[in-house]
C-alpha atoms as a PDB file:
ATOM      1  CA  MET A   1     -49.093 -56.364 -14.759  1.00  0.00           C
ATOM      2  CA  SER A   2     -48.399 -57.567 -11.581  1.00  0.00           C
ATOM      3  CA  ILE A   3     -45.551 -56.394  -9.493  1.00  0.00           C
ATOM      4  CA  ARG A   4     -44.764 -59.908  -8.787  1.00  0.00           C
ATOM      5  CA  THR A   5     -44.699 -60.266 -13.283  1.00  0.00           C
ATOM      6  CA  LEU A   6     -42.145 -56.907 -13.307  1.00  0.00           C
ATOM      7  CA  PHE A   7     -40.039 -57.993 -10.896  1.00  0.00           C
ATOM      8  CA  GLU A   8     -39.267 -61.455 -12.703  1.00  0.00           C
ATOM      9  CA  LYS A   9     -38.654 -59.406 -16.077  1.00  0.00           C
ATOM     10  CA  ILE A  10     -36.088 -57.235 -14.894  1.00  0.00           C
ATOM     11  CA  LEU A  11     -34.590 -60.071 -13.427  1.00  0.00           C
ATOM     12  CA  ASP A  12     -34.857 -61.521 -16.584  1.00  0.00           C
ATOM     13  CA  LYS A  13     -30.828 -61.915 -18.270  1.00  0.00           C
ATOM     14  CA  TRP A  14     -30.176 -59.904 -15.458  1.00  0.00           C
ATOM     15  CA  PRO A  15     -25.982 -60.270 -16.403  1.00  0.00           C
ATOM     16  CA  ALA A  16     -26.359 -58.962 -19.761  1.00  0.00           C
ATOM     17  CA  LYS A  17     -28.700 -55.801 -18.563  1.00  0.00           C
ATOM     18  CA  ILE A  18     -26.304 -55.040 -15.877  1.00  0.00           C
ATOM     19  CA  ILE A  19     -23.541 -54.394 -18.325  1.00  0.00           C
ATOM     20  CA  CYS A  20     -25.340 -53.042 -20.696  1.00  0.00           C
ATOM     21  CA  LEU A  21     -25.936 -50.376 -18.281  1.00  0.00           C
ATOM     22  CA  VAL A  22     -22.014 -50.047 -17.048  1.00  0.00           C
ATOM     23  CA  ILE A  23     -21.384 -49.642 -20.415  1.00  0.00           C
ATOM     24  CA  ALA A  24     -24.107 -46.714 -20.564  1.00  0.00           C
ATOM     25  CA  VAL A  25     -22.614 -44.820 -17.650  1.00  0.00           C
ATOM     26  CA  PHE A  26     -19.105 -45.582 -18.781  1.00  0.00           C
ATOM     27  CA  LEU A  27     -19.900 -43.721 -22.270  1.00  0.00           C
ATOM     28  CA  TYR A  28     -21.751 -41.011 -20.507  1.00  0.00           C
ATOM     29  CA  PHE A  29     -18.703 -40.668 -18.196  1.00  0.00           C
ATOM     30  CA  PHE A  30     -16.471 -40.923 -20.990  1.00  0.00           C
ATOM     31  CA  HIS A  31     -18.443 -38.240 -23.473  1.00  0.00           C
ATOM     32  CA  GLN A  32     -18.589 -35.926 -20.724  1.00  0.00           C
ATOM     33  CA  ALA A  33     -14.624 -35.952 -20.121  1.00  0.00           C
ATOM     34  CA  SER A  34     -14.429 -35.339 -23.973  1.00  0.00           C
ATOM     35  CA  LEU A  35     -16.109 -31.905 -23.534  1.00  0.00           C
ATOM     36  CA  ILE A  36     -13.672 -30.956 -20.831  1.00  0.00           C
ATOM     37  CA  ASP A  37     -10.478 -29.546 -21.869  1.00  0.00           C
ATOM     38  CA  THR A  38      -7.166 -28.071 -19.715  1.00  0.00           C
ATOM     39  CA  LYS A  39      -5.234 -25.198 -20.342  1.00  0.00           C
ATOM     40  CA  THR A  40      -2.190 -23.756 -18.243  1.00  0.00           C
ATOM     41  CA  PHE A  41      -1.543 -20.006 -17.670  1.00  0.00           C
ATOM     42  CA  VAL A  42       1.597 -18.469 -16.169  1.00  0.00           C
ATOM     43  CA  VAL A  43      -0.030 -15.868 -13.759  1.00  0.00           C
ATOM     44  CA  PRO A  44       2.195 -13.057 -11.954  1.00  0.00           C
ATOM     45  CA  LEU A  45       2.451 -13.517  -8.055  1.00  0.00           C
ATOM     46  CA  THR A  46       1.165 -10.286  -6.546  1.00  0.00           C
ATOM     47  CA  ILE A  47       2.414  -9.564  -2.278  1.00  0.00           C
ATOM     48  CA  ILE A  48       0.166  -7.745  -0.411  1.00  0.00           C
ATOM     49  CA  GLU A  49       2.205  -6.337   2.685  1.00  0.00           C
ATOM     50  CA  ASP A  50       0.256  -3.533   3.946  1.00  0.00           C
ATOM     51  CA  GLY A  51       0.449  -4.350   7.613  1.00  0.00           C
ATOM     52  CA  MET A  52       3.289  -4.233   9.936  1.00  0.00           C
ATOM     53  CA  VAL A  53       6.468  -6.714   7.284  1.00  0.00           C
ATOM     54  CA  MET A  54       7.657  -7.106   4.281  1.00  0.00           C
ATOM     55  CA  HIS A  55       9.050  -9.622   2.315  1.00  0.00           C
ATOM     56  CA  VAL A  56      13.177 -10.276   2.015  1.00  0.00           C
ATOM     57  CA  GLY A  57      15.027 -12.308  -0.420  1.00  0.00           C
ATOM     58  CA  THR A  58      13.967 -14.001  -3.586  1.00  0.00           C
ATOM     59  CA  VAL A  59      10.301 -14.594  -4.002  1.00  0.00           C
ATOM     60  CA  PRO A  60       8.598 -16.148  -7.553  1.00  0.00           C
ATOM     61  CA  ARG A  61       6.988 -13.445  -9.277  1.00  0.00           C
ATOM     62  CA  SER A  62       4.611 -15.936 -10.891  1.00  0.00           C
ATOM     63  CA  VAL A  63       2.425 -19.261 -10.711  1.00  0.00           C
ATOM     64  CA  SER A  64       1.456 -21.937 -12.893  1.00  0.00           C
ATOM     65  CA  VAL A  65      -2.356 -22.361 -12.630  1.00  0.00           C
ATOM     66  CA  VAL A  66      -4.083 -25.003 -14.634  1.00  0.00           C
ATOM     67  CA  VAL A  67      -7.664 -24.357 -15.767  1.00  0.00           C
ATOM     68  CA  ARG A  68     -10.142 -26.519 -16.141  1.00  0.00           C
ATOM     69  CA  ALA A  69     -13.613 -26.381 -17.896  1.00  0.00           C
ATOM     70  CA  GLU A  70     -15.294 -26.892 -20.995  1.00  0.00           C
ATOM     71  CA  GLU A  71     -13.518 -26.181 -24.535  1.00  0.00           C
ATOM     72  CA  ASP A  72     -15.175 -22.938 -24.877  1.00  0.00           C
ATOM     73  CA  ALA A  73     -15.130 -21.943 -21.601  1.00  0.00           C
ATOM     74  CA  VAL A  74     -11.345 -22.474 -21.670  1.00  0.00           C
ATOM     75  CA  LYS A  75     -10.286 -20.638 -24.745  1.00  0.00           C
ATOM     76  CA  SER A  76     -12.364 -17.450 -23.410  1.00  0.00           C
ATOM     77  CA  VAL A  77      -9.996 -17.386 -20.290  1.00  0.00           C
ATOM     78  CA  SER A  78      -7.041 -15.034 -20.543  1.00  0.00           C
ATOM     79  CA  ILE A  79      -4.793 -14.059 -17.694  1.00  0.00           C
ATOM     80  CA  SER A  80      -6.552 -10.937 -16.900  1.00  0.00           C
ATOM     81  CA  ASP A  81      -9.219 -13.463 -15.470  1.00  0.00           C
ATOM     82  CA  LEU A  82      -6.405 -14.780 -12.477  1.00  0.00           C
ATOM     83  CA  THR A  83      -5.096 -13.643  -9.806  1.00  0.00           C
ATOM     84  CA  ALA A  84      -2.676 -15.005  -7.520  1.00  0.00           C
ATOM     85  CA  SER A  85      -1.843 -13.174  -4.115  1.00  0.00           C
ATOM     86  CA  ILE A  86       0.441 -13.661  -0.865  1.00  0.00           C
ATOM     87  CA  ASN A  87      -1.387 -11.740   2.427  1.00  0.00           C
ATOM     88  CA  LEU A  88       0.998 -10.768   5.033  1.00  0.00           C
ATOM     89  CA  ASP A  89      -1.041  -8.494   6.632  1.00  0.00           C
ATOM     90  CA  THR A  90      -2.082 -10.655   9.432  1.00  0.00           C
ATOM     91  CA  ILE A  91       1.605 -11.358  10.575  1.00  0.00           C
ATOM     92  CA  THR A  92       3.174  -9.191  13.229  1.00  0.00           C
ATOM     93  CA  GLN A  93       6.860 -10.572  13.759  1.00  0.00           C
ATOM     94  CA  ALA A  94      10.296 -11.056  11.376  1.00  0.00           C
ATOM     95  CA  GLY A  95      10.780 -14.522  10.590  1.00  0.00           C
ATOM     96  CA  SER A  96      10.158 -17.532   7.888  1.00  0.00           C
ATOM     97  CA  TYR A  97       6.311 -18.255   7.042  1.00  0.00           C
ATOM     98  CA  LYS A  98       4.989 -21.244   4.736  1.00  0.00           C
ATOM     99  CA  LEU A  99       1.700 -19.635   3.275  1.00  0.00           C
ATOM    100  CA  PRO A 100      -1.299 -20.283   1.238  1.00  0.00           C
ATOM    101  CA  ILE A 101      -1.244 -18.830  -2.481  1.00  0.00           C
ATOM    102  CA  LYS A 102      -4.514 -17.661  -3.464  1.00  0.00           C
ATOM    103  CA  ILE A 103      -6.599 -17.644  -6.685  1.00  0.00           C
ATOM    104  CA  THR A 104      -9.453 -15.271  -7.414  1.00  0.00           C
ATOM    105  CA  LEU A 105     -11.628 -15.549 -10.661  1.00  0.00           C
ATOM    106  CA  SER A 106     -13.243 -12.545 -12.590  1.00  0.00           C
ATOM    107  CA  ASP A 107     -16.898 -12.488 -12.222  1.00  0.00           C
ATOM    108  CA  ARG A 108     -17.356 -13.631 -15.505  1.00  0.00           C
ATOM    109  CA  LEU A 109     -15.844 -16.940 -15.018  1.00  0.00           C
ATOM    110  CA  MET A 110     -18.354 -17.546 -12.106  1.00  0.00           C
ATOM    111  CA  GLU A 111     -20.645 -17.959 -14.225  1.00  0.00           C
ATOM    112  CA  TYR A 112     -18.773 -21.463 -16.087  1.00  0.00           C
ATOM    113  CA  ASP A 113     -19.759 -24.630 -14.877  1.00  0.00           C
ATOM    114  CA  PRO A 114     -18.092 -26.816 -14.496  1.00  0.00           C
ATOM    115  CA  PHE A 115     -14.978 -24.688 -14.247  1.00  0.00           C
ATOM    116  CA  GLU A 116     -12.044 -26.223 -11.899  1.00  0.00           C
ATOM    117  CA  VAL A 117      -8.825 -23.941 -11.030  1.00  0.00           C
ATOM    118  CA  LYS A 118      -5.526 -25.801  -9.522  1.00  0.00           C
ATOM    119  CA  ILE A 119      -1.958 -24.478  -8.640  1.00  0.00           C
ATOM    120  CA  LYS A 120       0.794 -26.351  -9.093  1.00  0.00           C
ATOM    121  CA  GLU A 121       1.937 -25.010  -6.036  1.00  0.00           C
ATOM    122  CA  ASP A 122      -0.579 -23.627  -3.466  1.00  0.00           C
ATOM    123  CA  THR A 123       1.961 -22.719  -0.754  1.00  0.00           C
ATOM    124  CA  ILE A 124       5.159 -20.723  -0.754  1.00  0.00           C
ATOM    125  CA  LYS A 125       7.827 -19.952   1.729  1.00  0.00           C
ATOM    126  CA  ILE A 126       8.865 -16.547   2.438  1.00  0.00           C
ATOM    127  CA  ASP A 127      10.902 -14.850   4.695  1.00  0.00           C
ATOM    128  CA  VAL A 128       9.713 -11.417   5.798  1.00  0.00           C
ATOM    129  CA  ASP A 129      10.925  -8.811   8.011  1.00  0.00           C
ATOM    130  CA  LEU A 130       9.412  -5.662  10.182  1.00  0.00           C
ATOM    131  CA  LYS A 131       8.872  -2.430   7.923  1.00  0.00           C
ATOM    132  CA  THR A 132      11.183   0.734   9.282  1.00  0.00           C
ATOM    133  CA  MET A 133      11.592   4.392   7.716  1.00  0.00           C
ATOM    134  CA  LYS A 134      13.985   6.520   8.409  1.00  0.00           C
ATOM    135  CA  TYR A 135      15.549   9.868   6.826  1.00  0.00           C
ATOM    136  CA  VAL A 136      19.048   9.591   4.495  1.00  0.00           C
ATOM    137  CA  PRO A 137      20.614  12.300   2.635  1.00  0.00           C
ATOM    138  CA  ILE A 138      20.632  12.487  -1.203  1.00  0.00           C
ATOM    139  CA  ASP A 139      23.546  12.692  -2.965  1.00  0.00           C
ATOM    140  CA  PRO A 140      23.940  13.801  -6.699  1.00  0.00           C
ATOM    141  CA  TYR A 141      24.412  10.646  -9.112  1.00  0.00           C
ATOM    142  CA  GLN A 142      28.682  10.257  -9.921  1.00  0.00           C
ATOM    143  CA  ASN A 143      28.285  10.109 -13.523  1.00  0.00           C
ATOM    144  CA  GLN A 144      26.650  13.130 -15.595  1.00  0.00           C
ATOM    145  CA  ILE A 145      25.119  13.396 -18.764  1.00  0.00           C
ATOM    146  CA  GLY A 146      27.618  15.134 -21.050  1.00  0.00           C
ATOM    147  CA  GLU A 147      30.165  17.070 -20.399  1.00  0.00           C
ATOM    148  CA  VAL A 148      30.537  20.825 -19.102  1.00  0.00           C
ATOM    149  CA  ALA A 149      32.371  23.469 -21.556  1.00  0.00           C
ATOM    150  CA  ASP A 150      35.961  23.004 -22.495  1.00  0.00           C
ATOM    151  CA  GLY A 151      37.803  24.833 -19.267  1.00  0.00           C
ATOM    152  CA  TYR A 152      35.467  24.210 -16.772  1.00  0.00           C
ATOM    153  CA  GLU A 153      34.664  21.525 -14.539  1.00  0.00           C
ATOM    154  CA  ILE A 154      31.654  20.893 -11.591  1.00  0.00           C
ATOM    155  CA  ASP A 155      32.803  22.419  -8.643  1.00  0.00           C
ATOM    156  CA  SER A 156      29.599  21.389  -6.357  1.00  0.00           C
ATOM    157  CA  ILE A 157      26.015  19.716  -6.882  1.00  0.00           C
ATOM    158  CA  GLU A 158      23.610  20.649  -4.233  1.00  0.00           C
ATOM    159  CA  ILE A 159      20.388  19.240  -3.698  1.00  0.00           C
ATOM    160  CA  SER A 160      17.007  20.460  -2.414  1.00  0.00           C
ATOM    161  CA  PRO A 161      16.162  19.543  -0.021  1.00  0.00           C
ATOM    162  CA  SER A 162      19.180  17.351   1.128  1.00  0.00           C
ATOM    163  CA  THR A 163      17.629  14.546   2.908  1.00  0.00           C
ATOM    164  CA  VAL A 164      14.510  12.416   2.011  1.00  0.00           C
ATOM    165  CA  GLU A 165      12.802   9.294   3.915  1.00  0.00           C
ATOM    166  CA  ILE A 166      12.874   5.988   3.032  1.00  0.00           C
ATOM    167  CA  MET A 167      10.741   2.795   3.952  1.00  0.00           C
ATOM    168  CA  GLY A 168      11.591  -0.888   3.699  1.00  0.00           C
ATOM    169  CA  PRO A 169      12.806  -3.831   4.986  1.00  0.00           C
ATOM    170  CA  ALA A 170      14.970  -2.731   8.713  1.00  0.00           C
ATOM    171  CA  SER A 171      17.929  -5.360   8.008  1.00  0.00           C
ATOM    172  CA  ILE A 172      17.964  -3.460   4.322  1.00  0.00           C
ATOM    173  CA  VAL A 173      16.802   0.426   5.599  1.00  0.00           C
ATOM    174  CA  ALA A 174      19.660   0.051   8.213  1.00  0.00           C
ATOM    175  CA  LYS A 175      22.358  -0.617   5.143  1.00  0.00           C
ATOM    176  CA  THR A 176      20.947   1.999   3.195  1.00  0.00           C
ATOM    177  CA  ASP A 177      22.941   5.326   4.194  1.00  0.00           C
ATOM    178  CA  LYS A 178      22.324   7.053   1.053  1.00  0.00           C
ATOM    179  CA  ILE A 179      20.243   7.390  -2.098  1.00  0.00           C
ATOM    180  CA  TYR A 180      21.282   8.966  -5.240  1.00  0.00           C
ATOM    181  CA  THR A 181      19.239  11.220  -7.868  1.00  0.00           C
ATOM    182  CA  SER A 182      18.956  10.310 -11.763  1.00  0.00           C
ATOM    183  CA  LYS A 183      21.564  11.918 -13.989  1.00  0.00           C
ATOM    184  CA  LEU A 184      22.124  15.552 -14.251  1.00  0.00           C
ATOM    185  CA  ASN A 185      22.205  17.148 -18.114  1.00  0.00           C
ATOM    186  CA  VAL A 186      25.426  19.415 -18.180  1.00  0.00           C
ATOM    187  CA  SER A 187      26.182  19.245 -21.424  1.00  0.00           C
ATOM    188  CA  ASN A 188      28.756  21.895 -22.637  1.00  0.00           C
ATOM    189  CA  ALA A 189      27.355  24.004 -19.418  1.00  0.00           C
ATOM    190  CA  GLU A 190      30.339  27.275 -18.353  1.00  0.00           C
ATOM    191  CA  THR A 191      28.076  29.346 -16.104  1.00  0.00           C
ATOM    192  CA  ASN A 192      26.101  28.042 -12.694  1.00  0.00           C
ATOM    193  CA  PHE A 193      22.648  26.664 -13.145  1.00  0.00           C
ATOM    194  CA  SER A 194      19.837  24.837 -11.517  1.00  0.00           C
ATOM    195  CA  THR A 195      17.206  22.048 -12.584  1.00  0.00           C
ATOM    196  CA  GLU A 196      14.819  19.106 -11.460  1.00  0.00           C
ATOM    197  CA  VAL A 197      15.679  15.810 -10.456  1.00  0.00           C
ATOM    198  CA  THR A 198      14.405  12.507  -8.850  1.00  0.00           C
ATOM    199  CA  CYS A 199      15.748   9.973  -6.535  1.00  0.00           C
ATOM    200  CA  LYS A 200      16.713   6.377  -7.528  1.00  0.00           C
ATOM    201  CA  LYS A 201      15.385   3.808  -5.751  1.00  0.00           C
ATOM    202  CA  PRO A 202      18.945   2.005  -3.657  1.00  0.00           C
ATOM    203  CA  ASN A 203      16.821  -1.547  -3.665  1.00  0.00           C
ATOM    204  CA  ALA A 204      13.477  -2.833  -5.265  1.00  0.00           C
ATOM    205  CA  LEU A 205      12.226  -3.238  -2.138  1.00  0.00           C
ATOM    206  CA  ILE A 206      13.083   0.267  -0.863  1.00  0.00           C
ATOM    207  CA  THR A 207      10.583   2.624  -0.951  1.00  0.00           C
ATOM    208  CA  VAL A 208      11.332   6.782  -1.507  1.00  0.00           C
ATOM    209  CA  LEU A 209       8.356   8.178   0.228  1.00  0.00           C
ATOM    210  CA  ASP A 210       8.794  11.490  -1.439  1.00  0.00           C
ATOM    211  CA  GLU A 211      10.516  11.137  -5.242  1.00  0.00           C
ATOM    212  CA  GLY A 212      10.891  14.545  -6.011  1.00  0.00           C
ATOM    213  CA  PRO A 213      11.017  16.582  -8.715  1.00  0.00           C
ATOM    214  CA  PHE A 214      14.260  17.996  -6.180  1.00  0.00           C
ATOM    215  CA  LYS A 215      16.400  21.047  -7.388  1.00  0.00           C
ATOM    216  CA  ALA A 216      19.698  20.556  -8.125  1.00  0.00           C
ATOM    217  CA  THR A 217      22.218  23.659  -8.063  1.00  0.00           C
ATOM    218  CA  VAL A 218      25.422  22.709 -10.250  1.00  0.00           C
ATOM    219  CA  SER A 219      28.359  25.182  -9.614  1.00  0.00           C
ATOM    220  CA  LEU A 220      30.944  25.159 -11.839  1.00  0.00           C
ATOM    221  CA  ARG A 221      34.883  26.866 -12.027  1.00  0.00           C
ATOM    222  CA  THR A 222      37.368  27.024 -14.791  1.00  0.00           C
ATOM    223  CA  LYS A 223      39.656  24.606 -14.902  1.00  0.00           C
ATOM    224  CA  MET A 224      42.962  25.186 -13.292  1.00  0.00           C
ATOM    225  CA  MET A 225      46.286  23.832 -15.262  1.00  0.00           C
ATOM    226  CA  GLU A 226      50.105  24.441 -16.000  1.00  0.00           C
ATOM    227  CA  LYS A 227      51.716  25.037 -19.219  1.00  0.00           C
ATOM    228  CA  GLU A 228      55.514  25.753 -19.844  1.00  0.00           C
ATOM    229  CA  PHE A 229      56.761  28.759 -21.782  1.00  0.00           C
ATOM    230  CA  ASP A 230      60.357  28.195 -23.499  1.00  0.00           C
ATOM    231  CA  SER A 231      62.967  30.647 -25.666  1.00  0.00           C
ATOM    232  CA  ILE A 232      61.770  34.089 -23.561  1.00  0.00           C
ATOM    233  CA  ALA A 233      64.209  36.866 -24.485  1.00  0.00           C
ATOM    234  CA  VAL A 234      65.157  39.263 -21.593  1.00  0.00           C
ATOM    235  CA  ASP A 235      64.477  42.918 -21.926  1.00  0.00           C
ATOM    236  CA  VAL A 236      67.238  44.649 -20.966  1.00  0.00           C
ATOM    237  CA  VAL A 237      66.766  48.374 -19.319  1.00  0.00           C
ATOM    238  CA  ASN A 238      68.465  51.283 -18.574  1.00  0.00           C
ATOM    239  CA  LEU A 239      71.965  49.918 -19.656  1.00  0.00           C
ATOM    240  CA  ASP A 240      73.947  52.847 -20.418  1.00  0.00           C
ATOM    241  CA  SER A 241      74.156  53.105 -24.790  1.00  0.00           C
ATOM    242  CA  SER A 242      78.262  52.558 -24.565  1.00  0.00           C
ATOM    243  CA  LEU A 243      77.851  49.662 -22.785  1.00  0.00           C
ATOM    244  CA  THR A 244      77.001  46.120 -23.899  1.00  0.00           C
ATOM    245  CA  PHE A 245      76.950  42.453 -23.140  1.00  0.00           C
ATOM    246  CA  ALA A 246      80.364  40.469 -23.686  1.00  0.00           C
ATOM    247  CA  GLU A 247      78.108  37.256 -25.282  1.00  0.00           C
ATOM    248  CA  PRO A 248      74.259  37.524 -25.880  1.00  0.00           C
ATOM    249  CA  LEU A 249      71.776  36.448 -22.314  1.00  0.00           C
ATOM    250  CA  PRO A 250      70.535  33.092 -22.308  1.00  0.00           C
ATOM    251  CA  LEU A 251      67.239  32.759 -22.710  1.00  0.00           C
ATOM    252  CA  ILE A 252      64.399  32.029 -20.084  1.00  0.00           C
ATOM    253  CA  SER A 253      62.267  29.225 -19.112  1.00  0.00           C
ATOM    254  CA  ILE A 254      58.761  29.703 -17.280  1.00  0.00           C
ATOM    255  CA  LYS A 255      55.851  27.559 -16.127  1.00  0.00           C
ATOM    256  CA  LEU A 256      52.872  29.238 -15.526  1.00  0.00           C
ATOM    257  CA  SER A 257      49.212  28.113 -13.833  1.00  0.00           C
ATOM    258  CA  GLY A 258      46.157  29.589 -14.208  1.00  0.00           C
ATOM    259  CA  SER A 259      42.472  28.928 -15.376  1.00  0.00           C
ATOM    260  CA  MET A 260      42.775  26.876 -18.419  1.00  0.00           C
ATOM    261  CA  PRO A 261      40.411  29.540 -20.297  1.00  0.00           C
ATOM    262  CA  VAL A 262      43.270  32.403 -19.820  1.00  0.00           C
ATOM    263  CA  LEU A 263      46.465  30.162 -19.811  1.00  0.00           C
ATOM    264  CA  ASP A 264      45.140  29.109 -23.412  1.00  0.00           C
ATOM    265  CA  ASN A 265      44.875  32.455 -24.841  1.00  0.00           C
ATOM    266  CA  TYR A 266      48.000  33.600 -23.171  1.00  0.00           C
ATOM    267  CA  VAL A 267      50.604  35.485 -25.510  1.00  0.00           C
ATOM    268  CA  VAL A 268      53.919  36.006 -23.708  1.00  0.00           C
ATOM    269  CA  SER A 269      54.774  40.161 -23.347  1.00  0.00           C
ATOM    270  CA  PRO A 270      58.085  40.831 -24.407  1.00  0.00           C
ATOM    271  CA  HIS A 271      59.062  43.105 -21.243  1.00  0.00           C
ATOM    272  CA  LEU A 272      57.713  39.548 -19.131  1.00  0.00           C
ATOM    273  CA  VAL A 273      61.278  38.976 -18.257  1.00  0.00           C
ATOM    274  CA  GLN A 274      63.308  42.252 -17.582  1.00  0.00           C
ATOM    275  CA  LEU A 275      66.989  42.903 -16.383  1.00  0.00           C
ATOM    276  CA  ASP A 276      67.513  45.891 -14.924  1.00  0.00           C
ATOM    277  CA  CYS A 277      70.739  47.609 -15.526  1.00  0.00           C
ATOM    278  CA  SER A 278      70.802  51.015 -13.822  1.00  0.00           C
ATOM    279  CA  GLU A 279      73.252  50.447 -11.362  1.00  0.00           C
ATOM    280  CA  ILE A 280      76.058  49.503 -14.175  1.00  0.00           C
ATOM    281  CA  LYS A 281      78.027  52.272 -14.808  1.00  0.00           C
ATOM    282  CA  GLY A 282      81.212  50.636 -16.765  1.00  0.00           C
ATOM    283  CA  GLU A 283      82.903  47.609 -18.258  1.00  0.00           C
ATOM    284  CA  GLY A 284      83.212  43.867 -15.157  1.00  0.00           C
ATOM    285  CA  THR A 285      81.304  40.881 -14.231  1.00  0.00           C
ATOM    286  CA  TYR A 286      77.934  41.201 -13.071  1.00  0.00           C
ATOM    287  CA  GLU A 287      75.436  39.494 -11.804  1.00  0.00           C
ATOM    288  CA  LEU A 288      71.631  40.796 -11.272  1.00  0.00           C
ATOM    289  CA  PRO A 289      68.517  39.738 -10.728  1.00  0.00           C
ATOM    290  CA  LEU A 290      65.854  39.446 -13.029  1.00  0.00           C
ATOM    291  CA  ASN A 291      62.080  40.876 -12.705  1.00  0.00           C
ATOM    292  CA  TYR A 292      58.968  38.549 -13.925  1.00  0.00           C
ATOM    293  CA  SER A 293      55.542  40.467 -14.951  1.00  0.00           C
ATOM    294  CA  ILE A 294      53.131  37.836 -14.204  1.00  0.00           C
ATOM    295  CA  PRO A 295      49.331  38.804 -14.817  1.00  0.00           C
ATOM    296  CA  SER A 296      47.363  39.069 -12.190  1.00  0.00           C
ATOM    297  CA  ASN A 297      45.643  36.279 -12.884  1.00  0.00           C
ATOM    298  CA  LEU A 298      48.117  33.663 -13.334  1.00  0.00           C
ATOM    299  CA  HIS A 299      50.363  32.315 -10.925  1.00  0.00           C
ATOM    300  CA  LEU A 300      54.659  31.705 -11.662  1.00  0.00           C
ATOM    301  CA  VAL A 301      55.218  28.080 -10.493  1.00  0.00           C
ATOM    302  CA  GLU A 302      58.963  27.333 -11.891  1.00  0.00           C
ATOM    303  CA  LYS A 303      61.475  29.812 -13.725  1.00  0.00           C
ATOM    304  CA  SER A 304      64.682  28.719 -15.788  1.00  0.00           C
ATOM    305  CA  ASP A 305      66.745  31.464 -14.093  1.00  0.00           C
ATOM    306  CA  ASP A 306      66.083  33.509 -10.550  1.00  0.00           C
ATOM    307  CA  GLU A 307      69.301  35.732 -11.816  1.00  0.00           C
ATOM    308  CA  LEU A 308      72.164  35.999 -14.635  1.00  0.00           C
ATOM    309  CA  ALA A 309      75.900  36.278 -14.309  1.00  0.00           C
ATOM    310  CA  PHE A 310      77.297  38.085 -17.080  1.00  0.00           C
ATOM    311  CA  THR A 311      80.126  40.496 -18.561  1.00  0.00           C
ATOM    312  CA  ILE A 312      79.963  44.400 -19.627  1.00  0.00           C
ATOM    313  CA  VAL A 313      82.282  45.873 -22.058  1.00  0.00           C
ATOM    314  CA  ILE A 314      82.355  49.126 -24.026  1.00  0.00           C
ATOM    315  CA  LYS A 315      81.058  49.075 -27.252  1.00  0.00           C
ATOM    316  CA  LYS A 316      83.589  49.202 -30.424  1.00  0.00           C
ATOM    317  CA  ALA A 317      83.404  52.370 -32.096  1.00  0.00           C
ATOM    318  CA  ASP A 318      81.659  50.963 -35.704  1.00  0.00           C
ATOM    319  CA  GLU A 319      79.220  49.563 -33.177  1.00  0.00           C
ATOM    320  CA  ASN A 320      78.113  52.902 -31.806  1.00  0.00           C
ATOM    321  CA  HIS A 321      78.515  54.285 -35.587  1.00  0.00           C
ATOM    322  CA  ASN A 322      75.723  51.816 -36.386  1.00  0.00           C
ATOM    323  CA  GLU A 323      73.677  52.371 -33.874  1.00  0.00           C
ATOM    324  CA  LYS A 324      73.622  56.364 -34.716  1.00  0.00           C
ATOM    325  CA  ALA A 325      73.573  55.584 -37.862  1.00  0.00           C
ATOM    326  CA  GLU A 326      70.069  53.508 -37.504  1.00  0.00           C
ATOM    327  CA  ALA A 327      68.564  56.240 -34.942  1.00  0.00           C
ATOM    328  CA  GLY A 328      69.391  58.741 -37.714  1.00  0.00           C
ATOM    329  CA  GLU A 329      71.669  60.827 -36.217  1.00  0.00           C
END
C-alpha cells in the first residue's frame, strides 16, 4: 500500500474518527480519575524555634492537609506519615511574619505515584519575640495537700535552691517575677520535715531550665489560741480562823492564751486565784489584791478583777464549834 493510499484511508470519514478519538481520551482520563481518592487529615503543627526568637500569642495547633492518590494508597496513609511545621530559625528580629507551612512525608509515602498533598492554608501569620533568660525566686505553692495535725500550723517553707533560671519570649520573661512549686503534702504533720518538689511552668511559652526536684523544708509551730475560764473560786490563804467573810467572795473570770495543744488540755488549779489575808487582824472592811498563779507556758490576757473589797467579821460561836468538830477537836 502506497503512502498516498494510506493517507486517503486515514482521512476517509475523518470527522467520525476524530470524535471516536476524543471519546477514547475522555474515557481514559475518566477511568484514571475514578481510581484517585482524596482524604483530609488534621495534622499537628510543629513550630521549630531553635534560633534567636520564639513565637508569642495564639498559633493554630493543627492544619488541614488534603491527600490525593489511588484509593489503596490513601487508605494506607495515617497522621503519623505527615508532619506540618513552621521554621523560625532564620528570623533574628521581633515582629510579625507571614511564613510558609512545610509538609514532610514519610519515606513510605514517597513510593506512591500518583500522590498529591495540598494544604488548605499554606501560610500562617505569626508574632515572634526575642528569646531571653533570667533567674527568678521559687515560692512554695500557696495551697497544700491535706492539713497539718490539729493544734499546729505552718510557720515557714524554705525551698533550696531558692532561685531557678527561666527562658522564653522577652516580653513574657520580663513580667515573670517568680514561679511556684508543685503542691506539698502536709497531711497530719506535727513536726518539721523535708520533702521534694518540682516547679510549675508559669506560662506555656516559659521554659524552666531546671525543673528539680528541689528540697522543701517545712517548719511547723503550735497554733496559738485564747480561752475563757469562768466561775473560778478564790483561794483564801492566811486568814485567822476566828475570822470570816461577811458575804461570799465573787467568782473570778479570766482569759488565757497559749498553744492550742496545751490550752485545750489545761485544767484550772484550785489555787489559781489567791487572796492573801495575812495582814488582816480583826473585823473591818478591806481591799486586797488578787494573786494569779499562771503556768509559765500560758499567758494571762484578761481578768475580771485585780483586787477585791470585802468585809471581815468575827465568827459566831456555833461556827467555831462546828469547825472544831470537823477538825476532830
